[in-house]
Amino acid sequence: MFSDFICPFCYIGFETVRKLKPEFDLKLDWRGFEIHADWPAEGMPAENFYRGTSAEQRRAGWARIEAMADAIGLKIRPPATLYNSHAALEAAEYTRESQLGEQFEERVFRAYFQEGCNLAARGLIGELASEVGIDSKAMEEALASGKYSLKLKNNSLVANQRGVGGVPTFFVGDFPLVGAQSEEVMRLVLKRARERIASIEA
């Protein structure tokens, strides 16, 4: 799954797949893919980014997003301030090497879309990591090496090679699925993928 923490559809898609994991014995391989490197670390008012749309259009758009989230029991709200996600994505690359990567990803999504937190604040990222049982000091030292920034760049290269143009993009085997899907659609896709794999192995 190629995803960015500042994308509401990624949050919905992430939670949808998590709901279906026990049913399909899935392993979720989350890859950070930065979509708005231009957003400032200090944040900017959401209305500045969406100047081309009216307040009414923004409300209608978010009503659709909230309806999708409600369908899977997820609470989500539009961030009043938009923040750069690079620091959080780097940290996620570090946590992927542990057994706590998925828990960290969930906590970061929730921090942004439920609590309005600044994902560019490295101190906050350390606190979120600590909450899920990750040694924040060790993480800070590892991130300072630049290794995980390179991993993030490599994710972008791999995504481009595989034709990823937006997030979320899921790969079920080699089959790409773009955008947040309903639980029913995702279940159907996973059933078909399982049947296809079974027929190949038979």
N, C-alpha and C. Protein backbone atom coordinates (compact mmCIF):
# COMPACT_ATOMS: atom_id res chain seq x y z
N MET A 1 0.84 -1.18 0.00
CA MET A 1 0.00 0.00 0.00
C MET A 1 0.89 1.25 0.00
N PHE A 2 0.80 2.06 -1.07
CA PHE A 2 1.49 3.35 -1.12
C PHE A 2 0.53 4.39 -0.56
N SER A 3 1.03 5.18 0.39
CA SER A 3 0.11 6.01 1.17
C SER A 3 0.84 7.21 1.77
N ASP A 4 0.07 8.25 2.10
CA ASP A 4 0.60 9.42 2.80
C ASP A 4 -0.32 9.74 3.96
N PHE A 5 0.26 10.14 5.07
CA PHE A 5 -0.52 10.40 6.28
C PHE A 5 -1.48 11.57 6.16
N ILE A 6 -1.25 12.46 5.19
CA ILE A 6 -2.10 13.64 5.07
C ILE A 6 -3.27 13.41 4.10
N CYS A 7 -3.42 12.19 3.62
CA CYS A 7 -4.48 11.83 2.68
C CYS A 7 -5.62 11.13 3.41
N PRO A 8 -6.82 11.72 3.45
CA PRO A 8 -7.92 11.08 4.17
C PRO A 8 -8.33 9.75 3.56
N PHE A 9 -8.22 9.63 2.25
CA PHE A 9 -8.58 8.37 1.60
C PHE A 9 -7.59 7.26 1.98
N CYS A 10 -6.34 7.66 2.24
CA CYS A 10 -5.35 6.68 2.70
C CYS A 10 -5.71 6.17 4.09
N TYR A 11 -6.17 7.06 4.95
CA TYR A 11 -6.58 6.65 6.30
C TYR A 11 -7.75 5.67 6.21
N ILE A 12 -8.72 5.99 5.37
CA ILE A 12 -9.89 5.12 5.21
C ILE A 12 -9.46 3.77 4.61
N GLY A 13 -8.62 3.82 3.59
CA GLY A 13 -8.16 2.59 2.96
C GLY A 13 -7.35 1.73 3.91
N PHE A 14 -6.50 2.37 4.70
CA PHE A 14 -5.68 1.68 5.69
C PHE A 14 -6.56 0.94 6.69
N GLU A 15 -7.56 1.62 7.22
CA GLU A 15 -8.43 1.00 8.22
C GLU A 15 -9.33 -0.08 7.60
N THR A 16 -9.72 0.10 6.35
CA THR A 16 -10.51 -0.92 5.68
C THR A 16 -9.72 -2.22 5.55
N VAL A 17 -8.48 -2.11 5.11
CA VAL A 17 -7.64 -3.29 4.97
C VAL A 17 -7.37 -3.92 6.34
N ARG A 18 -7.17 -3.10 7.34
CA ARG A 18 -6.94 -3.65 8.69
C ARG A 18 -8.15 -4.45 9.17
N LYS A 19 -9.34 -3.98 8.85
CA LYS A 19 -10.56 -4.70 9.23
C LYS A 19 -10.62 -6.08 8.57
N LEU A 20 -10.11 -6.16 7.34
CA LEU A 20 -10.21 -7.40 6.57
C LEU A 20 -9.02 -8.34 6.78
N LYS A 21 -8.02 -7.89 7.47
CA LYS A 21 -6.82 -8.72 7.66
C LYS A 21 -7.12 -10.09 8.26
N PRO A 22 -7.89 -10.19 9.34
CA PRO A 22 -8.15 -11.51 9.92
C PRO A 22 -8.89 -12.45 8.97
N GLU A 23 -9.78 -11.88 8.16
CA GLU A 23 -10.59 -12.69 7.25
C GLU A 23 -9.74 -13.30 6.13
N PHE A 24 -8.71 -12.58 5.71
CA PHE A 24 -7.91 -13.03 4.58
C PHE A 24 -6.46 -13.36 4.94
N ASP A 25 -6.14 -13.29 6.22
CA ASP A 25 -4.76 -13.56 6.67
C ASP A 25 -3.77 -12.69 5.90
N LEU A 26 -4.07 -11.39 5.87
CA LEU A 26 -3.27 -10.44 5.10
C LEU A 26 -2.04 -9.95 5.85
N LYS A 27 -1.02 -9.61 5.10
CA LYS A 27 0.12 -8.87 5.63
C LYS A 27 0.11 -7.51 4.93
N LEU A 28 -0.01 -6.46 5.71
CA LEU A 28 -0.07 -5.11 5.15
C LEU A 28 1.34 -4.53 5.07
N ASP A 29 1.79 -4.27 3.85
CA ASP A 29 3.11 -3.68 3.63
C ASP A 29 2.90 -2.22 3.24
N TRP A 30 3.05 -1.33 4.22
CA TRP A 30 2.76 0.08 4.05
C TRP A 30 4.01 0.80 3.55
N ARG A 31 3.90 1.57 2.47
CA ARG A 31 5.03 2.33 1.93
C ARG A 31 4.66 3.81 1.86
N GLY A 32 5.48 4.61 2.48
CA GLY A 32 5.23 6.05 2.47
C GLY A 32 5.48 6.65 1.09
N PHE A 33 4.57 7.51 0.64
CA PHE A 33 4.67 8.17 -0.66
C PHE A 33 4.22 9.61 -0.47
N GLU A 34 5.17 10.52 -0.42
CA GLU A 34 4.87 11.92 -0.10
C GLU A 34 4.20 12.62 -1.27
N ILE A 35 3.01 13.17 -1.02
CA ILE A 35 2.24 13.79 -2.11
C ILE A 35 2.29 15.31 -2.11
N HIS A 36 2.68 15.91 -0.96
CA HIS A 36 2.73 17.38 -0.91
C HIS A 36 3.99 17.84 -0.19
N ALA A 37 5.12 17.60 -0.83
CA ALA A 37 6.39 18.03 -0.25
C ALA A 37 6.46 19.55 -0.12
N ASP A 38 5.60 20.24 -0.87
CA ASP A 38 5.60 21.70 -0.85
C ASP A 38 4.87 22.29 0.36
N TRP A 39 4.09 21.48 1.07
CA TRP A 39 3.40 22.02 2.24
C TRP A 39 4.42 22.35 3.33
N PRO A 40 4.32 23.53 3.95
CA PRO A 40 5.33 23.96 4.92
C PRO A 40 5.24 23.20 6.25
N ALA A 41 6.39 23.06 6.89
CA ALA A 41 6.44 22.37 8.18
C ALA A 41 5.63 23.11 9.24
N GLU A 42 5.59 24.42 9.12
CA GLU A 42 4.84 25.21 10.12
C GLU A 42 3.33 25.17 9.85
N GLY A 43 2.95 24.61 8.71
CA GLY A 43 1.55 24.47 8.39
C GLY A 43 0.99 25.68 7.65
N MET A 44 -0.15 25.47 7.02
CA MET A 44 -0.86 26.57 6.37
C MET A 44 -2.35 26.32 6.47
N PRO A 45 -3.15 27.38 6.54
CA PRO A 45 -4.60 27.20 6.63
C PRO A 45 -5.12 26.41 5.44
N ALA A 46 -6.02 25.49 5.70
CA ALA A 46 -6.54 24.64 4.63
C ALA A 46 -7.17 25.46 3.51
N GLU A 47 -7.82 26.57 3.86
CA GLU A 47 -8.49 27.36 2.83
C GLU A 47 -7.49 27.98 1.84
N ASN A 48 -6.23 28.16 2.27
CA ASN A 48 -5.22 28.68 1.35
C ASN A 48 -4.91 27.69 0.24
N PHE A 49 -4.91 26.41 0.58
CA PHE A 49 -4.62 25.38 -0.42
C PHE A 49 -5.80 25.17 -1.34
N TYR A 50 -7.01 25.28 -0.80
CA TYR A 50 -8.21 24.99 -1.58
C TYR A 50 -8.87 26.26 -2.10
N ARG A 51 -8.06 27.24 -2.49
CA ARG A 51 -8.61 28.52 -2.94
C ARG A 51 -9.50 28.39 -4.16
N GLY A 52 -9.27 27.36 -4.98
CA GLY A 52 -10.04 27.18 -6.19
C GLY A 52 -11.43 26.61 -5.96
N THR A 53 -11.73 26.25 -4.71
CA THR A 53 -13.04 25.68 -4.41
C THR A 53 -13.72 26.53 -3.34
N SER A 54 -15.03 26.57 -3.40
CA SER A 54 -15.78 27.35 -2.42
C SER A 54 -15.89 26.58 -1.11
N ALA A 55 -16.26 27.30 -0.06
CA ALA A 55 -16.46 26.65 1.25
C ALA A 55 -17.55 25.58 1.15
N GLU A 56 -18.56 25.85 0.36
CA GLU A 56 -19.65 24.89 0.19
C GLU A 56 -19.15 23.61 -0.50
N GLN A 57 -18.31 23.76 -1.51
CA GLN A 57 -17.75 22.61 -2.20
C GLN A 57 -16.86 21.79 -1.27
N ARG A 58 -16.08 22.50 -0.43
CA ARG A 58 -15.21 21.79 0.52
C ARG A 58 -16.05 21.01 1.53
N ARG A 59 -17.11 21.63 2.01
CA ARG A 59 -17.99 20.94 2.98
C ARG A 59 -18.62 19.69 2.35
N ALA A 60 -19.05 19.83 1.09
CA ALA A 60 -19.67 18.69 0.40
C ALA A 60 -18.65 17.57 0.20
N GLY A 61 -17.43 17.94 -0.15
CA GLY A 61 -16.38 16.95 -0.34
C GLY A 61 -16.08 16.20 0.95
N TRP A 62 -16.00 16.95 2.04
CA TRP A 62 -15.72 16.31 3.32
C TRP A 62 -16.90 15.50 3.83
N ALA A 63 -18.09 15.89 3.46
CA ALA A 63 -19.26 15.08 3.85
C ALA A 63 -19.17 13.70 3.21
N ARG A 64 -18.70 13.64 1.97
CA ARG A 64 -18.53 12.34 1.30
C ARG A 64 -17.43 11.53 1.97
N ILE A 65 -16.35 12.19 2.33
CA ILE A 65 -15.25 11.49 3.02
C ILE A 65 -15.71 10.95 4.36
N GLU A 66 -16.45 11.78 5.11
CA GLU A 66 -16.93 11.35 6.42
C GLU A 66 -17.91 10.19 6.30
N ALA A 67 -18.71 10.18 5.23
CA ALA A 67 -19.64 9.08 5.01
C ALA A 67 -18.88 7.78 4.76
N MET A 68 -17.81 7.85 3.98
CA MET A 68 -16.99 6.66 3.73
C MET A 68 -16.36 6.17 5.04
N ALA A 69 -15.89 7.11 5.85
CA ALA A 69 -15.27 6.75 7.13
C ALA A 69 -16.31 6.15 8.08
N ASP A 70 -17.48 6.75 8.14
CA ASP A 70 -18.54 6.25 9.02
C ASP A 70 -18.90 4.81 8.69
N ALA A 71 -18.83 4.46 7.40
CA ALA A 71 -19.21 3.11 6.96
C ALA A 71 -18.32 2.03 7.56
N ILE A 72 -17.12 2.41 7.97
CA ILE A 72 -16.22 1.42 8.60
C ILE A 72 -16.00 1.75 10.09
N GLY A 73 -16.83 2.65 10.62
CA GLY A 73 -16.73 2.97 12.04
C GLY A 73 -15.56 3.85 12.39
N LEU A 74 -15.12 4.67 11.44
CA LEU A 74 -13.95 5.54 11.65
C LEU A 74 -14.38 6.99 11.79
N LYS A 75 -13.84 7.66 12.80
CA LYS A 75 -14.09 9.08 12.98
C LYS A 75 -12.97 9.87 12.31
N ILE A 76 -13.35 10.86 11.52
CA ILE A 76 -12.36 11.64 10.80
C ILE A 76 -12.91 13.06 10.65
N ARG A 77 -12.02 14.04 10.71
CA ARG A 77 -12.48 15.41 10.54
C ARG A 77 -11.48 16.18 9.70
N PRO A 78 -11.93 17.20 8.97
CA PRO A 78 -11.01 17.93 8.09
C PRO A 78 -10.02 18.75 8.90
N PRO A 79 -8.74 18.61 8.62
CA PRO A 79 -7.74 19.43 9.33
C PRO A 79 -7.91 20.91 8.99
N ALA A 80 -7.90 21.75 10.00
CA ALA A 80 -7.98 23.18 9.76
C ALA A 80 -6.65 23.72 9.22
N THR A 81 -5.57 23.04 9.61
CA THR A 81 -4.23 23.42 9.17
C THR A 81 -3.58 22.23 8.49
N LEU A 82 -2.95 22.47 7.35
CA LEU A 82 -2.30 21.41 6.58
C LEU A 82 -0.81 21.43 6.86
N TYR A 83 -0.26 20.27 7.19
CA TYR A 83 1.15 20.17 7.57
C TYR A 83 1.91 19.24 6.64
N ASN A 84 3.19 19.51 6.51
CA ASN A 84 4.09 18.64 5.76
C ASN A 84 4.24 17.30 6.48
N SER A 85 4.25 16.20 5.73
CA SER A 85 4.28 14.87 6.35
C SER A 85 5.63 14.17 6.27
N HIS A 86 6.65 14.85 5.76
CA HIS A 86 7.93 14.18 5.51
C HIS A 86 8.51 13.53 6.77
N ALA A 87 8.52 14.24 7.88
CA ALA A 87 9.11 13.70 9.11
C ALA A 87 8.37 12.45 9.57
N ALA A 88 7.04 12.47 9.47
CA ALA A 88 6.25 11.31 9.88
C ALA A 88 6.49 10.13 8.96
N LEU A 89 6.63 10.40 7.66
CA LEU A 89 6.86 9.32 6.70
C LEU A 89 8.25 8.69 6.91
N GLU A 90 9.24 9.50 7.21
CA GLU A 90 10.57 8.97 7.52
C GLU A 90 10.49 8.06 8.74
N ALA A 91 9.80 8.54 9.77
CA ALA A 91 9.67 7.76 11.00
C ALA A 91 8.96 6.44 10.73
N ALA A 92 7.96 6.46 9.85
CA ALA A 92 7.23 5.24 9.52
C ALA A 92 8.14 4.23 8.84
N GLU A 93 9.09 4.73 8.03
CA GLU A 93 10.05 3.81 7.41
C GLU A 93 10.91 3.13 8.48
N TYR A 94 11.25 3.87 9.50
CA TYR A 94 12.02 3.28 10.60
C TYR A 94 11.17 2.23 11.34
N THR A 95 9.94 2.57 11.64
CA THR A 95 9.11 1.65 12.44
C THR A 95 8.71 0.41 11.66
N ARG A 96 8.76 0.46 10.33
CA ARG A 96 8.46 -0.73 9.53
C ARG A 96 9.43 -1.86 9.84
N GLU A 97 10.59 -1.54 10.35
CA GLU A 97 11.59 -2.56 10.65
C GLU A 97 11.30 -3.27 11.98
N SER A 98 10.31 -2.79 12.68
CA SER A 98 9.92 -3.41 13.95
C SER A 98 8.58 -4.10 13.78
N GLN A 99 8.07 -4.66 14.84
CA GLN A 99 6.74 -5.27 14.82
C GLN A 99 5.65 -4.25 15.13
N LEU A 100 6.05 -2.98 15.25
CA LEU A 100 5.11 -1.95 15.68
C LEU A 100 4.80 -0.92 14.60
N GLY A 101 5.21 -1.22 13.37
CA GLY A 101 5.00 -0.27 12.29
C GLY A 101 3.54 0.06 12.05
N GLU A 102 2.70 -0.95 12.02
CA GLU A 102 1.28 -0.72 11.76
C GLU A 102 0.63 0.08 12.88
N GLN A 103 1.01 -0.21 14.13
CA GLN A 103 0.46 0.55 15.26
C GLN A 103 0.88 2.01 15.18
N PHE A 104 2.12 2.25 14.78
CA PHE A 104 2.60 3.63 14.63
C PHE A 104 1.83 4.35 13.53
N GLU A 105 1.64 3.68 12.40
CA GLU A 105 0.92 4.29 11.29
C GLU A 105 -0.49 4.68 11.71
N GLU A 106 -1.17 3.78 12.42
CA GLU A 106 -2.52 4.09 12.90
C GLU A 106 -2.51 5.31 13.81
N ARG A 107 -1.50 5.36 14.69
CA ARG A 107 -1.44 6.47 15.65
C ARG A 107 -1.19 7.80 14.95
N VAL A 108 -0.38 7.79 13.90
CA VAL A 108 -0.10 9.02 13.17
C VAL A 108 -1.33 9.49 12.40
N PHE A 109 -1.99 8.59 11.73
CA PHE A 109 -3.23 8.95 11.04
C PHE A 109 -4.22 9.58 12.02
N ARG A 110 -4.38 8.94 13.15
CA ARG A 110 -5.34 9.42 14.15
C ARG A 110 -4.93 10.79 14.67
N ALA A 111 -3.64 11.00 14.89
CA ALA A 111 -3.14 12.28 15.38
C ALA A 111 -3.48 13.41 14.41
N TYR A 112 -3.39 13.12 13.13
CA TYR A 112 -3.64 14.16 12.13
C TYR A 112 -5.13 14.39 11.89
N PHE A 113 -5.87 13.31 11.68
CA PHE A 113 -7.25 13.45 11.26
C PHE A 113 -8.27 13.46 12.39
N GLN A 114 -7.84 13.23 13.61
CA GLN A 114 -8.76 13.34 14.74
C GLN A 114 -8.31 14.40 15.74
N GLU A 115 -6.99 14.62 15.83
CA GLU A 115 -6.47 15.54 16.84
C GLU A 115 -5.86 16.80 16.26
N GLY A 116 -5.71 16.86 14.93
CA GLY A 116 -5.18 18.06 14.29
C GLY A 116 -3.72 18.34 14.58
N CYS A 117 -2.93 17.30 14.80
CA CYS A 117 -1.52 17.48 15.18
C CYS A 117 -0.64 17.84 13.99
N ASN A 118 0.47 18.49 14.30
CA ASN A 118 1.46 18.87 13.29
C ASN A 118 2.42 17.72 13.06
N LEU A 119 2.30 17.04 11.93
CA LEU A 119 3.13 15.88 11.64
C LEU A 119 4.55 16.24 11.26
N ALA A 120 4.83 17.53 11.12
CA ALA A 120 6.20 17.95 10.83
C ALA A 120 7.01 18.15 12.11
N ALA A 121 6.33 18.12 13.25
CA ALA A 121 7.02 18.36 14.53
C ALA A 121 7.68 17.06 15.00
N ARG A 122 8.99 17.01 14.92
CA ARG A 122 9.71 15.76 15.24
C ARG A 122 9.52 15.36 16.69
N GLY A 123 9.37 16.33 17.58
CA GLY A 123 9.12 16.00 18.98
C GLY A 123 7.82 15.25 19.14
N LEU A 124 6.80 15.71 18.43
CA LEU A 124 5.50 15.04 18.47
C LEU A 124 5.61 13.63 17.90
N ILE A 125 6.32 13.47 16.80
CA ILE A 125 6.48 12.15 16.19
C ILE A 125 7.14 11.19 17.18
N GLY A 126 8.11 11.70 17.92
CA GLY A 126 8.75 10.88 18.95
C GLY A 126 7.76 10.46 20.03
N GLU A 127 6.90 11.38 20.41
CA GLU A 127 5.89 11.07 21.43
C GLU A 127 4.92 10.00 20.94
N LEU A 128 4.50 10.12 19.69
CA LEU A 128 3.58 9.13 19.13
C LEU A 128 4.24 7.76 19.06
N ALA A 129 5.52 7.75 18.71
CA ALA A 129 6.26 6.49 18.67
C ALA A 129 6.33 5.86 20.05
N SER A 130 6.61 6.68 21.05
CA SER A 130 6.68 6.17 22.43
C SER A 130 5.36 5.58 22.87
N GLU A 131 4.26 6.21 22.46
CA GLU A 131 2.93 5.73 22.85
C GLU A 131 2.67 4.30 22.41
N VAL A 132 3.25 3.90 21.27
CA VAL A 132 3.00 2.54 20.77
C VAL A 132 4.14 1.58 21.11
N GLY A 133 5.08 2.05 21.94
CA GLY A 133 6.12 1.16 22.43
C GLY A 133 7.44 1.21 21.70
N ILE A 134 7.66 2.25 20.90
CA ILE A 134 8.91 2.40 20.15
C ILE A 134 9.85 3.31 20.93
N ASP A 135 11.12 2.96 20.96
CA ASP A 135 12.14 3.77 21.64
C ASP A 135 12.37 5.03 20.81
N SER A 136 11.85 6.15 21.26
CA SER A 136 11.90 7.39 20.48
C SER A 136 13.33 7.93 20.34
N LYS A 137 14.15 7.71 21.36
CA LYS A 137 15.54 8.20 21.28
C LYS A 137 16.31 7.42 20.21
N ALA A 138 16.12 6.10 20.20
CA ALA A 138 16.79 5.28 19.18
C ALA A 138 16.29 5.66 17.80
N MET A 139 15.00 5.95 17.70
CA MET A 139 14.44 6.35 16.42
C MET A 139 15.02 7.68 15.96
N GLU A 140 15.12 8.63 16.87
CA GLU A 140 15.67 9.95 16.53
C GLU A 140 17.10 9.83 16.02
N GLU A 141 17.89 9.00 16.68
CA GLU A 141 19.28 8.80 16.26
C GLU A 141 19.35 8.14 14.88
N ALA A 142 18.46 7.17 14.65
CA ALA A 142 18.45 6.49 13.36
C ALA A 142 18.02 7.44 12.24
N LEU A 143 17.04 8.28 12.51
CA LEU A 143 16.56 9.21 11.48
C LEU A 143 17.62 10.25 11.13
N ALA A 144 18.46 10.59 12.09
CA ALA A 144 19.51 11.58 11.85
C ALA A 144 20.54 11.10 10.84
N SER A 145 20.62 9.79 10.64
CA SER A 145 21.60 9.22 9.71
C SER A 145 21.26 9.50 8.25
N GLY A 146 20.02 9.84 7.97
CA GLY A 146 19.59 10.07 6.59
C GLY A 146 19.16 8.80 5.86
N LYS A 147 19.34 7.66 6.49
CA LYS A 147 19.01 6.38 5.86
C LYS A 147 17.53 6.29 5.49
N TYR A 148 16.68 6.81 6.34
CA TYR A 148 15.23 6.63 6.12
C TYR A 148 14.67 7.67 5.16
N SER A 149 15.37 8.77 5.02
CA SER A 149 15.02 9.72 3.97
C SER A 149 15.28 9.09 2.61
N LEU A 150 16.39 8.35 2.51
CA LEU A 150 16.71 7.65 1.27
C LEU A 150 15.69 6.55 0.98
N LYS A 151 15.25 5.89 2.03
CA LYS A 151 14.22 4.86 1.85
C LYS A 151 12.93 5.47 1.30
N LEU A 152 12.61 6.64 1.79
CA LEU A 152 11.41 7.33 1.31
C LEU A 152 11.56 7.70 -0.17
N LYS A 153 12.74 8.16 -0.55
CA LYS A 153 13.00 8.47 -1.96
C LYS A 153 12.90 7.21 -2.82
N ASN A 154 13.40 6.10 -2.28
CA ASN A 154 13.33 4.85 -3.02
C ASN A 154 11.88 4.40 -3.20
N ASN A 155 11.05 4.63 -2.18
CA ASN A 155 9.62 4.31 -2.32
C ASN A 155 9.02 5.05 -3.51
N SER A 156 9.42 6.33 -3.65
CA SER A 156 8.90 7.14 -4.75
C SER A 156 9.35 6.59 -6.10
N LEU A 157 10.59 6.15 -6.17
CA LEU A 157 11.11 5.57 -7.42
C LEU A 157 10.36 4.29 -7.77
N VAL A 158 10.19 3.43 -6.76
CA VAL A 158 9.48 2.16 -6.98
C VAL A 158 8.04 2.44 -7.40
N ALA A 159 7.40 3.40 -6.73
CA ALA A 159 6.02 3.74 -7.06
C ALA A 159 5.92 4.21 -8.51
N ASN A 160 6.84 5.06 -8.93
CA ASN A 160 6.82 5.55 -10.31
C ASN A 160 7.03 4.41 -11.30
N GLN A 161 7.93 3.49 -10.96
CA GLN A 161 8.19 2.34 -11.84
C GLN A 161 6.96 1.45 -11.98
N ARG A 162 6.15 1.42 -10.93
CA ARG A 162 4.96 0.56 -10.94
C ARG A 162 3.70 1.32 -11.39
N GLY A 163 3.90 2.55 -11.84
CA GLY A 163 2.80 3.31 -12.41
C GLY A 163 1.89 3.97 -11.40
N VAL A 164 2.38 4.16 -10.17
CA VAL A 164 1.56 4.79 -9.15
C VAL A 164 1.52 6.29 -9.40
N GLY A 165 0.31 6.82 -9.53
CA GLY A 165 0.16 8.24 -9.78
C GLY A 165 -0.53 8.98 -8.65
N GLY A 166 -1.06 8.24 -7.69
CA GLY A 166 -1.76 8.85 -6.57
C GLY A 166 -1.90 7.86 -5.44
N VAL A 167 -2.41 8.35 -4.34
CA VAL A 167 -2.59 7.50 -3.16
C VAL A 167 -4.02 7.57 -2.67
N PRO A 168 -4.49 6.51 -2.02
CA PRO A 168 -3.76 5.26 -1.80
C PRO A 168 -3.77 4.39 -3.07
N THR A 169 -2.67 3.67 -3.27
CA THR A 169 -2.62 2.63 -4.29
C THR A 169 -2.24 1.33 -3.61
N PHE A 170 -3.08 0.35 -3.76
CA PHE A 170 -2.84 -0.97 -3.18
C PHE A 170 -2.34 -1.90 -4.28
N PHE A 171 -1.45 -2.81 -3.92
CA PHE A 171 -1.09 -3.88 -4.82
C PHE A 171 -1.44 -5.19 -4.14
N VAL A 172 -2.37 -5.91 -4.77
CA VAL A 172 -2.73 -7.24 -4.30
C VAL A 172 -2.01 -8.20 -5.24
N GLY A 173 -0.83 -8.66 -4.80
CA GLY A 173 0.07 -9.32 -5.73
C GLY A 173 0.58 -8.25 -6.68
N ASP A 174 0.42 -8.46 -7.99
CA ASP A 174 0.83 -7.46 -8.97
C ASP A 174 -0.33 -6.61 -9.45
N PHE A 175 -1.51 -6.85 -8.89
CA PHE A 175 -2.71 -6.15 -9.34
C PHE A 175 -2.88 -4.84 -8.57
N PRO A 176 -2.88 -3.69 -9.29
CA PRO A 176 -3.04 -2.41 -8.60
C PRO A 176 -4.51 -2.05 -8.38
N LEU A 177 -4.78 -1.45 -7.26
CA LEU A 177 -6.12 -0.97 -6.93
C LEU A 177 -5.96 0.45 -6.40
N VAL A 178 -6.53 1.42 -7.10
CA VAL A 178 -6.30 2.83 -6.77
C VAL A 178 -7.50 3.41 -6.05
N GLY A 179 -7.22 4.13 -4.96
CA GLY A 179 -8.26 4.83 -4.24
C GLY A 179 -8.85 4.03 -3.10
N ALA A 180 -9.46 4.72 -2.15
CA ALA A 180 -10.12 4.05 -1.04
C ALA A 180 -11.36 3.35 -1.55
N GLN A 181 -11.51 2.09 -1.19
CA GLN A 181 -12.66 1.30 -1.62
C GLN A 181 -13.55 1.00 -0.42
N SER A 182 -14.81 0.73 -0.70
CA SER A 182 -15.70 0.30 0.38
C SER A 182 -15.23 -1.07 0.88
N GLU A 183 -15.69 -1.41 2.07
CA GLU A 183 -15.33 -2.72 2.62
C GLU A 183 -15.82 -3.84 1.70
N GLU A 184 -16.99 -3.68 1.12
CA GLU A 184 -17.54 -4.72 0.25
C GLU A 184 -16.70 -4.89 -1.01
N VAL A 185 -16.30 -3.78 -1.63
CA VAL A 185 -15.48 -3.85 -2.84
C VAL A 185 -14.12 -4.45 -2.52
N MET A 186 -13.51 -4.01 -1.43
CA MET A 186 -12.20 -4.53 -1.06
C MET A 186 -12.28 -6.04 -0.76
N ARG A 187 -13.35 -6.45 -0.11
CA ARG A 187 -13.52 -7.89 0.18
C ARG A 187 -13.62 -8.68 -1.13
N LEU A 188 -14.37 -8.16 -2.08
CA LEU A 188 -14.52 -8.84 -3.37
C LEU A 188 -13.18 -8.94 -4.10
N VAL A 189 -12.42 -7.86 -4.09
CA VAL A 189 -11.11 -7.86 -4.75
C VAL A 189 -10.19 -8.89 -4.10
N LEU A 190 -10.20 -8.94 -2.79
CA LEU A 190 -9.34 -9.88 -2.08
C LEU A 190 -9.77 -11.33 -2.31
N LYS A 191 -11.08 -11.56 -2.39
CA LYS A 191 -11.58 -12.92 -2.68
C LYS A 191 -11.11 -13.37 -4.05
N ARG A 192 -11.23 -12.48 -5.03
CA ARG A 192 -10.80 -12.83 -6.39
C ARG A 192 -9.30 -13.07 -6.45
N ALA A 193 -8.53 -12.25 -5.72
CA ALA A 193 -7.09 -12.43 -5.69
C ALA A 193 -6.73 -13.78 -5.06
N ARG A 194 -7.42 -14.13 -4.00
CA ARG A 194 -7.17 -15.42 -3.34
C ARG A 194 -7.50 -16.58 -4.27
N GLU A 195 -8.60 -16.47 -5.00
CA GLU A 195 -8.98 -17.52 -5.94
C GLU A 195 -7.96 -17.64 -7.08
N ARG A 196 -7.49 -16.49 -7.55
CA ARG A 196 -6.50 -16.49 -8.63
C ARG A 196 -5.21 -17.16 -8.18
N ILE A 197 -4.78 -16.83 -6.97
CA ILE A 197 -3.54 -17.43 -6.44
C ILE A 197 -3.71 -18.93 -6.25
N ALA A 198 -4.89 -19.32 -5.75
CA ALA A 198 -5.15 -20.75 -5.54
C ALA A 198 -5.14 -21.51 -6.85
N SER A 199 -5.68 -20.90 -7.92
CA SER A 199 -5.71 -21.59 -9.22
C SER A 199 -4.31 -21.73 -9.80
N ILE A 200 -3.45 -20.76 -9.55
CA ILE A 200 -2.08 -20.82 -10.03
C ILE A 200 -1.30 -21.91 -9.30
N GLU A 201 -1.56 -22.00 -8.00
CA GLU A 201 -0.82 -22.97 -7.18
C GLU A 201 -1.34 -24.39 -7.34
N ALA A 202 -2.56 -24.55 -7.89
CA ALA A 202 -3.18 -25.88 -8.01
C ALA A 202 -2.44 -26.74 -9.05
